[in-house]
Protein backbone atom coordinates (compact mmCIF):
# COMPACT_ATOMS: atom_id res chain seq x y z
CA MET A 1 98.40 113.56 76.72
CA LYS A 2 98.49 117.20 75.71
CA ARG A 3 102.15 117.54 76.74
CA ILE A 4 103.14 114.39 74.86
CA LYS A 5 101.42 115.65 71.70
CA GLN A 6 103.33 118.95 72.03
CA PHE A 7 106.63 117.11 72.42
CA LEU A 8 105.88 114.86 69.47
CA PHE A 9 105.01 117.96 67.49
CA VAL A 10 108.37 119.53 68.35
CA LEU A 11 110.16 116.31 67.51
CA VAL A 12 108.45 115.80 64.19
CA THR A 13 108.75 119.49 63.29
CA GLY A 14 112.47 119.28 63.96
CA GLY A 15 112.68 116.22 61.81
CA VAL A 16 110.83 117.97 58.97
CA LEU A 17 113.07 121.03 59.13
CA PHE A 18 116.41 119.22 59.31
CA SER A 19 115.74 115.84 57.69
CA CYS A 20 113.40 116.95 54.85
CA VAL A 21 110.65 114.45 55.87
CA PRO A 22 107.53 114.76 53.60
CA ALA A 23 104.34 116.09 55.15
CA ARG A 24 102.49 112.84 54.51
CA GLN A 25 105.13 110.86 56.45
CA TYR A 26 104.94 113.41 59.25
CA GLN A 27 101.16 112.94 59.50
CA THR A 28 101.61 109.15 59.54
CA LEU A 29 104.21 109.38 62.31
CA GLU A 30 102.07 111.74 64.32
CA SER A 31 99.01 109.48 63.98
CA ARG A 32 101.03 106.44 64.98
CA ALA A 33 102.47 108.21 67.99
CA ASN A 34 98.95 109.23 69.09
CA GLU A 35 97.70 105.65 68.72
CA ASN A 36 100.66 104.25 70.65
CA GLN A 37 100.24 106.79 73.42
CA LYS A 38 96.52 105.95 73.59
CA LYS A 39 97.37 102.26 73.93
CA TYR A 40 99.88 103.11 76.66
CA GLU A 41 97.21 105.05 78.58
CA GLU A 42 94.70 102.21 78.07
CA LEU A 43 97.20 99.77 79.56
CA LYS A 44 97.66 101.98 82.60
CA ASP A 45 93.86 102.30 82.99
CA ALA A 46 93.48 98.54 82.51
CA ASN A 47 95.93 97.80 85.29
CA ARG A 48 94.00 100.15 87.60
CA LEU A 49 90.61 98.75 86.58
CA LEU A 50 91.93 95.24 87.07
CA THR A 51 92.94 95.99 90.67
CA GLU A 52 89.58 97.71 91.40
CA SER A 53 87.57 94.90 89.75
CA ASN A 54 89.45 92.24 91.71
CA ALA A 55 88.73 94.08 95.03
CA GLU A 56 85.06 94.61 94.07
CA LEU A 57 84.55 90.93 93.15
CA GLU A 58 86.10 89.77 96.43
CA GLY A 59 83.82 92.18 98.36
CA LYS A 60 80.70 90.93 96.54
CA PHE A 61 81.75 87.34 97.10
CA ASP A 62 82.01 87.95 100.88
CA VAL A 63 78.56 89.62 100.94
CA LEU A 64 76.93 86.72 99.07
CA GLU A 65 78.60 84.17 101.32
CA ASP A 66 77.29 86.00 104.39
CA LYS A 67 73.75 86.06 102.94
CA TYR A 68 73.97 82.35 102.24
CA LYS A 69 74.98 81.57 105.84
CA ARG A 70 72.09 83.64 107.24
CA ALA A 71 69.59 82.02 104.89
CA GLU A 72 70.88 78.55 105.82
CA ALA A 73 70.47 79.37 109.53
CA GLU A 74 66.88 80.56 108.94
CA PHE A 75 66.15 77.41 106.96
CA ASN A 76 67.38 75.18 109.80
CA GLU A 77 65.32 77.15 112.33
CA ASN A 78 62.12 76.82 110.27
CA ALA A 79 62.76 73.11 109.73
CA GLU A 80 62.96 72.64 113.50
CA ARG A 81 59.72 74.59 113.96
CA LEU A 82 58.05 72.38 111.35
CA LEU A 83 59.05 69.24 113.23
CA LYS A 84 57.67 70.66 116.48
CA SER A 85 54.39 71.65 114.81
CA LYS A 86 53.98 68.19 113.33
CA ALA A 87 54.52 66.68 116.79
CA GLN A 88 51.91 69.02 118.25
CA LEU A 89 49.54 68.10 115.43
CA LYS A 90 50.00 64.44 116.21
CA ARG A 91 49.25 65.06 119.89
CA CYS A 92 46.10 67.00 118.98
CA GLU A 93 44.93 64.14 116.80
CA GLN A 94 45.56 61.74 119.67
CA ASN A 95 43.60 63.98 122.06
CA GLN A 96 40.73 64.09 119.62
CA GLU A 97 40.63 60.31 119.43
CA ASP A 98 40.67 60.07 123.24
CA LEU A 99 37.79 62.51 123.49
CA LEU A 100 35.78 60.62 120.91
CA ARG A 101 36.26 57.44 122.91
CA GLN A 102 35.20 59.23 126.08
CA LEU A 103 32.16 60.60 124.26
CA ALA A 104 31.17 57.10 123.21
CA LYS A 105 31.39 55.96 126.82
CA GLN A 106 29.36 58.89 128.06
CA GLN A 107 26.57 58.68 125.49
CA LYS A 108 24.40 57.02 128.10
CA GLY A 109 25.31 59.69 130.59
CA SER A 110 23.76 63.06 131.17
CA ALA A 111 23.22 65.54 128.35
CA ARG A 112 25.27 68.05 130.29
CA GLU A 113 28.35 65.85 130.22
CA SER A 114 27.81 65.12 126.55
CA LYS A 115 27.66 68.84 125.74
CA THR A 116 30.91 69.42 127.66
CA LEU A 117 32.61 66.70 125.71
CA LEU A 118 31.27 68.07 122.43
CA ASP A 119 32.61 71.53 123.30
CA GLN A 120 36.01 70.03 124.03
CA ILE A 121 35.91 68.19 120.73
CA HIS A 122 35.09 71.42 118.88
CA LYS A 123 37.92 73.24 120.59
CA THR A 124 40.27 70.41 119.79
CA GLN A 125 39.14 70.46 116.17
CA ASP A 126 39.67 74.23 115.97
CA ASN A 127 43.13 73.82 117.48
CA LEU A 128 43.81 71.04 115.01
CA ASN A 129 42.78 73.28 112.09
CA LEU A 130 45.07 76.03 113.35
CA ARG A 131 47.96 73.62 113.59
CA GLU A 132 47.31 72.32 110.10
CA ASP A 133 47.28 75.88 108.74
CA GLU A 134 50.54 76.62 110.53
CA VAL A 135 52.13 73.46 109.13
CA MET A 136 51.07 74.43 105.59
CA ARG A 137 52.41 77.95 106.07
CA LEU A 138 55.75 76.66 107.36
CA GLU A 139 56.03 74.19 104.49
CA GLN A 140 55.43 76.98 101.95
CA ASP A 141 57.93 79.20 103.75
CA LEU A 142 60.49 76.41 103.69
CA LYS A 143 60.01 75.99 99.93
CA ARG A 144 60.60 79.71 99.41
CA ARG A 145 63.72 79.63 101.55
CA LEU A 146 65.01 76.56 99.73
CA LYS A 147 64.62 78.39 96.44
CA LYS A 148 66.39 81.41 97.92
CA LEU A 149 69.23 79.18 99.10
CA ASP A 150 69.52 77.65 95.61
CA ASP A 151 69.58 81.13 94.02
CA LEU A 152 72.29 82.27 96.44
CA GLN A 153 74.35 79.15 95.78
CA ASN A 154 74.06 79.71 92.01
CA GLU A 155 75.05 83.36 92.37
CA ILE A 156 78.02 82.43 94.56
CA GLY A 157 79.01 79.84 91.97
CA ARG A 158 78.87 82.40 89.17
CA ARG A 159 80.86 84.93 91.18
CA ASP A 160 83.40 82.32 92.18
CA LYS A 161 83.83 81.20 88.59
CA HIS A 162 84.30 84.79 87.43
CA LEU A 163 86.81 85.41 90.21
CA LEU A 164 88.73 82.25 89.34
CA GLU A 165 88.85 83.29 85.68
CA LEU A 166 90.19 86.68 86.69
CA GLU A 167 92.77 85.13 89.01
CA ARG A 168 93.88 82.71 86.28
CA ALA A 169 94.24 85.58 83.81
CA LEU A 170 96.25 87.58 86.36
CA ALA A 171 98.47 84.60 87.08
CA LYS A 172 98.95 84.03 83.37
CA LYS A 173 99.91 87.68 82.91
CA ASP A 174 102.36 87.51 85.84
CA GLU A 175 103.90 84.34 84.42
CA ALA A 176 104.30 86.04 81.07
CA VAL A 177 106.00 89.02 82.72
CA MET A 178 108.42 86.79 84.66
CA ALA A 179 109.17 84.68 81.58
CA LEU A 180 109.83 87.84 79.57
CA LYS A 181 112.10 89.22 82.31
CA ASN A 182 114.12 85.98 82.36
CA LYS A 183 114.47 86.01 78.57
CA VAL A 184 115.65 89.61 78.61
CA MET A 185 118.12 88.90 81.43
CA ASN A 186 119.53 85.92 79.51
CA ALA A 187 119.80 87.95 76.32
CA LEU A 188 121.64 90.80 78.06
CA THR A 189 124.02 88.66 80.11
CA GLY A 190 127.34 90.47 80.19
CA PHE A 191 125.84 93.92 80.58
CA ASP A 192 124.96 93.49 84.27
CA ASN A 193 126.59 96.09 86.52
CA LYS A 194 127.70 97.96 83.40
CA GLY A 195 124.97 100.55 83.28
CA LEU A 196 122.04 98.17 82.71
CA SER A 197 119.40 96.91 85.16
CA ILE A 198 116.25 94.81 84.69
CA SER A 199 113.25 94.79 87.02
CA ASN A 200 109.51 94.14 86.98
CA ARG A 201 107.01 96.58 88.50
CA ASN A 202 103.24 96.86 88.21
CA GLY A 203 103.03 93.94 85.79
CA LYS A 204 105.71 95.36 83.45
CA VAL A 205 109.38 94.65 82.73
CA TYR A 206 111.68 97.69 82.94
CA VAL A 207 115.03 97.62 81.11
CA SER A 208 116.93 100.66 82.38
CA MET A 209 120.15 101.76 80.60
CA ASP A 210 122.42 104.44 81.99
CA GLU A 211 123.66 107.21 79.76
CA LYS A 212 127.23 105.83 79.88
CA LEU A 213 126.08 102.58 78.23
CA LEU A 214 124.36 104.27 75.29
CA PHE A 215 125.46 107.85 74.70
CA LYS A 216 128.24 110.30 75.17
CA SER A 217 127.40 113.38 77.23
CA GLY A 218 124.94 115.64 75.40
CA SER A 219 124.73 113.24 72.42
CA TYR A 220 121.83 111.18 71.10
CA THR A 221 123.97 108.88 68.94
CA VAL A 222 124.07 105.33 70.38
CA ASP A 223 127.64 104.01 70.73
CA VAL A 224 128.73 100.56 69.56
CA ARG A 225 128.39 98.73 72.90
CA GLY A 226 124.94 100.17 73.54
CA ALA A 227 123.82 99.27 70.01
CA GLN A 228 124.94 95.67 70.61
CA ALA A 229 122.83 95.46 73.79
CA LEU A 230 119.81 96.86 71.95
CA LYS A 231 120.19 94.37 69.10
CA GLN A 232 120.29 91.48 71.55
CA LEU A 233 117.17 92.85 73.24
CA ALA A 234 115.47 93.26 69.84
CA GLN A 235 116.05 89.58 69.14
CA VAL A 236 114.03 88.66 72.26
CA LEU A 237 111.26 91.13 71.42
CA SER A 238 110.99 89.82 67.86
CA THR A 239 110.06 86.36 69.19
CA ASN A 240 107.51 87.72 71.68
CA LYS A 241 104.83 89.25 69.49
CA ASP A 242 102.35 90.02 72.29
CA ILE A 243 104.58 92.60 73.99
CA ASN A 244 104.04 96.37 73.73
CA ILE A 245 107.18 98.48 73.92
CA VAL A 246 107.55 101.99 75.36
CA ILE A 247 110.91 103.78 75.17
CA GLU A 248 111.35 106.71 77.57
CA GLY A 249 114.28 109.11 77.55
CA HIS A 250 115.26 110.80 80.85
CA THR A 251 117.76 113.53 81.75
CA ASP A 252 119.00 115.23 84.90
CA ASN A 253 118.10 118.83 85.77
CA VAL A 254 121.25 120.39 84.31
CA PRO A 255 120.11 122.63 81.41
CA TYR A 256 121.25 121.47 77.98
CA LYS A 257 123.86 123.89 76.58
CA GLY A 258 124.63 122.33 73.23
CA SER A 259 123.98 123.71 69.78
CA GLY A 260 122.33 122.49 66.62
CA ASP A 261 118.82 121.07 66.44
CA LEU A 262 118.59 120.41 70.21
CA LYS A 263 117.21 123.27 72.28
CA ASP A 264 116.81 121.78 75.76
CA ASN A 265 116.51 118.60 77.82
CA TRP A 266 113.11 117.88 76.28
CA ASP A 267 114.67 117.63 72.84
CA LEU A 268 117.57 115.55 74.13
CA SER A 269 115.34 113.01 75.93
CA VAL A 270 113.07 112.59 72.90
CA LYS A 271 115.98 112.30 70.47
CA ARG A 272 117.63 109.61 72.61
CA ALA A 273 114.44 107.59 72.81
CA THR A 274 113.98 107.94 69.04
CA SER A 275 117.55 106.75 68.40
CA ILE A 276 116.83 103.57 70.35
CA VAL A 277 113.58 102.96 68.43
CA ARG A 278 115.46 103.18 65.16
CA ILE A 279 117.92 100.49 66.27
CA LEU A 280 115.11 98.20 67.50
CA SER A 281 113.29 98.78 64.19
CA LEU A 282 116.22 97.27 62.30
CA ASN A 283 114.89 93.91 63.46
CA LYS A 284 112.10 93.13 60.99
CA GLY A 285 110.42 90.85 63.51
CA ILE A 286 109.30 93.88 65.56
CA ASN A 287 106.17 95.60 64.24
CA PRO A 288 106.63 99.38 64.59
CA GLN A 289 103.01 99.60 65.78
CA ARG A 290 104.10 97.94 69.04
CA MET A 291 106.51 100.76 69.92
CA THR A 292 105.90 104.13 71.54
CA VAL A 293 108.50 106.87 72.08
CA ALA A 294 108.37 109.35 74.98
CA GLY A 295 110.71 112.06 76.21
CA ARG A 296 110.48 112.72 79.96
CA SER A 297 113.24 115.35 80.25
CA LYS A 298 114.17 115.94 83.93
CA TYR A 299 110.72 115.38 85.43
CA LEU A 300 110.87 111.73 86.53
CA PRO A 301 114.15 111.44 88.49
CA ILE A 302 115.05 108.27 90.38
CA GLY A 303 117.89 109.92 92.31
CA THR A 304 118.65 113.30 93.77
CA ASN A 305 119.89 115.95 91.38
CA ALA A 306 121.87 117.47 94.25
CA SER A 307 124.77 115.03 93.73
CA ALA A 308 126.78 113.82 90.75
CA GLU A 309 125.85 110.21 91.51
CA GLY A 310 122.13 111.04 91.62
CA ARG A 311 122.28 112.99 88.37
CA SER A 312 124.06 110.06 86.73
CA LYS A 313 121.18 107.75 87.73
CA ASN A 314 118.65 110.19 86.29
CA ARG A 315 120.40 110.29 82.89
CA ARG A 316 118.92 107.04 81.64
CA THR A 317 116.74 105.44 79.02
CA GLU A 318 114.00 103.00 80.06
CA ILE A 319 112.50 100.38 77.78
CA ILE A 320 109.16 99.34 79.29
CA LEU A 321 107.74 95.99 78.14
CA THR A 322 104.07 95.21 78.76
CA PRO A 323 102.19 92.01 77.78
CA LYS A 324 98.96 92.67 75.93
CA LEU A 325 95.89 92.49 78.19
CA ASP A 326 93.24 91.40 75.68
CA GLU A 327 92.10 88.43 77.83
CA LEU A 328 91.85 90.59 80.95
CA PHE A 329 89.86 93.23 79.06
CA GLN A 330 87.47 90.49 77.88
CA ILE A 331 86.91 89.22 81.45
CA LEU A 332 86.34 92.74 82.74
CA GLY A 333 83.84 93.32 79.95
CA GLN A 334 81.83 90.31 81.12
């Protein structure tokens, strides 16, 4: 951020010195550039947060599903124990009835036999009480586990719903990116293999234009053919209001040796990006607040600077198109 502010400062200062731009307009431009850069950084952070949030939600979903399976297994085990305890209780009740019948038959018998039967009855009654207590305890435990299962199912449902919302938003964003790419490709038909390429990476559409399509060597004035391509692109962007636009100028590592208001490759890359913004701004359907200008100089090469072919690839301008992520930000906030 600090570097970009410095470059914008150099750019605007140059504009003030050589174009007589008022100080108030300079402050407005600087504020707008800061806001656009902040939005660009937020979009990068949002893409990273989105990936992390998606991985975290999937991990939590797996943990909850595992807890649910364990709780279900415990519930089934306790239900089986309850059935066995009820069967034992029934047998105890049957034993008690048998003993009572035997006691009735032995009432005329000896007192000793009667006492033995009474002791057996008491033991059976104690055992019966223990079984009843165990049955009550198991029933209460089953109720608690049922509630726990319901809570886990509700939590899994909430997580699953949130995950589905996130997946739908991601799919919607990807569809928007692909639709935008197709529109741009259709609009720029005829420029393929003539210094222009279109690709999508990291949820963004990249329109890359070689130097030969836009500028003469060492110049930041867009030629006629390049201006025509930019106007056709601007027509697509004017009908897609929810697209943020970043224009990045790139150079090779050969030091700039020109004269005038350009001092080095930094100045050249920024000036070229600014020239493209001015052409896009001619389309009144594009709000200037959607656009951000950046000069990258020689520091983001895509080819080797050790060969003429590699240096030619590095001398490019990239127009980066990003759908707004308001819906994704809202889901992440929830």
